[in-house]
Amino acid sequence: MSTYITLLRGVNISGQKIIKMADLRAFLTNAGLKSLV
């Protein structure tokens, strides 16, 4: 089983284009990733 790490830079810093963690988790889960922390 492969392990993937996603590093996000500059997310939700300026208050513009905010990504809710629930939405990000749902997106990654729908992309087939599991065991998100």
N, C-alpha and C. Protein backbone atom coordinates (compact mmCIF):
# COMPACT_ATOMS: atom_id res chain seq x y z
N MET A 1 0.84 -1.18 0.00
CA MET A 1 0.00 0.00 0.00
C MET A 1 0.89 1.25 0.00
N SER A 2 0.63 2.16 -0.89
CA SER A 2 1.40 3.40 -0.98
C SER A 2 0.90 4.41 0.04
N THR A 3 1.80 5.26 0.48
CA THR A 3 1.46 6.34 1.39
C THR A 3 1.65 7.66 0.66
N TYR A 4 0.65 8.52 0.74
CA TYR A 4 0.72 9.84 0.10
C TYR A 4 0.60 10.91 1.16
N ILE A 5 1.35 11.98 1.00
CA ILE A 5 1.30 13.13 1.90
C ILE A 5 0.98 14.36 1.06
N THR A 6 0.00 15.13 1.52
CA THR A 6 -0.37 16.36 0.83
C THR A 6 0.02 17.54 1.70
N LEU A 7 0.82 18.44 1.16
CA LEU A 7 1.21 19.65 1.87
C LEU A 7 0.50 20.82 1.21
N LEU A 8 -0.28 21.53 2.00
CA LEU A 8 -1.04 22.66 1.47
C LEU A 8 -0.36 23.95 1.92
N ARG A 9 -0.13 24.83 0.98
CA ARG A 9 0.54 26.09 1.27
C ARG A 9 -0.43 27.24 1.02
N GLY A 10 -0.59 28.10 2.00
CA GLY A 10 -1.38 29.30 1.82
C GLY A 10 -2.88 29.10 1.78
N VAL A 11 -3.37 28.02 2.35
CA VAL A 11 -4.81 27.78 2.35
C VAL A 11 -5.44 28.55 3.50
N ASN A 12 -6.46 29.33 3.21
CA ASN A 12 -7.25 30.08 4.19
C ASN A 12 -6.44 31.14 4.95
N ILE A 13 -5.39 31.66 4.36
CA ILE A 13 -4.57 32.65 5.06
C ILE A 13 -5.17 34.04 4.95
N SER A 14 -5.56 34.45 3.77
CA SER A 14 -6.01 35.82 3.56
C SER A 14 -7.50 36.00 3.77
N GLY A 15 -8.23 34.92 3.99
CA GLY A 15 -9.67 35.03 4.16
C GLY A 15 -10.42 35.01 2.84
N GLN A 16 -9.70 34.95 1.74
CA GLN A 16 -10.31 34.86 0.43
C GLN A 16 -10.19 33.44 -0.07
N LYS A 17 -11.17 33.02 -0.84
CA LYS A 17 -11.15 31.66 -1.39
C LYS A 17 -10.97 30.61 -0.29
N ILE A 18 -11.78 30.71 0.75
CA ILE A 18 -11.69 29.82 1.91
C ILE A 18 -12.13 28.42 1.53
N ILE A 19 -11.37 27.43 1.98
CA ILE A 19 -11.72 26.02 1.79
C ILE A 19 -12.01 25.44 3.17
N LYS A 20 -13.23 24.98 3.37
CA LYS A 20 -13.58 24.36 4.65
C LYS A 20 -12.94 22.98 4.71
N MET A 21 -12.46 22.61 5.89
CA MET A 21 -11.79 21.32 6.05
C MET A 21 -12.73 20.17 5.70
N ALA A 22 -14.01 20.30 6.03
CA ALA A 22 -14.97 19.24 5.70
C ALA A 22 -15.07 19.07 4.18
N ASP A 23 -15.05 20.18 3.45
CA ASP A 23 -15.11 20.12 1.98
C ASP A 23 -13.83 19.51 1.41
N LEU A 24 -12.68 19.88 1.97
CA LEU A 24 -11.41 19.33 1.52
C LEU A 24 -11.35 17.83 1.79
N ARG A 25 -11.79 17.42 2.98
CA ARG A 25 -11.79 16.00 3.33
C ARG A 25 -12.72 15.22 2.39
N ALA A 26 -13.91 15.78 2.09
CA ALA A 26 -14.85 15.13 1.18
C ALA A 26 -14.25 15.00 -0.21
N PHE A 27 -13.58 16.04 -0.69
CA PHE A 27 -12.94 16.00 -2.00
C PHE A 27 -11.89 14.90 -2.07
N LEU A 28 -11.03 14.83 -1.06
CA LEU A 28 -9.97 13.83 -1.05
C LEU A 28 -10.52 12.42 -0.89
N THR A 29 -11.57 12.27 -0.11
CA THR A 29 -12.21 10.97 0.06
C THR A 29 -12.83 10.51 -1.26
N ASN A 30 -13.49 11.44 -1.96
CA ASN A 30 -14.09 11.11 -3.26
C ASN A 30 -13.03 10.79 -4.30
N ALA A 31 -11.82 11.31 -4.11
CA ALA A 31 -10.71 11.03 -5.02
C ALA A 31 -10.10 9.66 -4.75
N GLY A 32 -10.60 8.98 -3.71
CA GLY A 32 -10.13 7.63 -3.43
C GLY A 32 -9.13 7.52 -2.29
N LEU A 33 -8.85 8.62 -1.61
CA LEU A 33 -7.91 8.57 -0.49
C LEU A 33 -8.64 8.15 0.78
N LYS A 34 -7.96 7.42 1.63
CA LYS A 34 -8.55 6.92 2.87
C LYS A 34 -7.65 7.28 4.04
N SER A 35 -8.16 7.13 5.23
CA SER A 35 -7.40 7.37 6.47
C SER A 35 -6.85 8.79 6.51
N LEU A 36 -7.70 9.76 6.24
CA LEU A 36 -7.28 11.15 6.29
C LEU A 36 -7.19 11.61 7.73
N VAL A 37 -6.15 12.35 8.03
CA VAL A 37 -5.95 12.85 9.39
C VAL A 37 -6.21 14.33 9.40
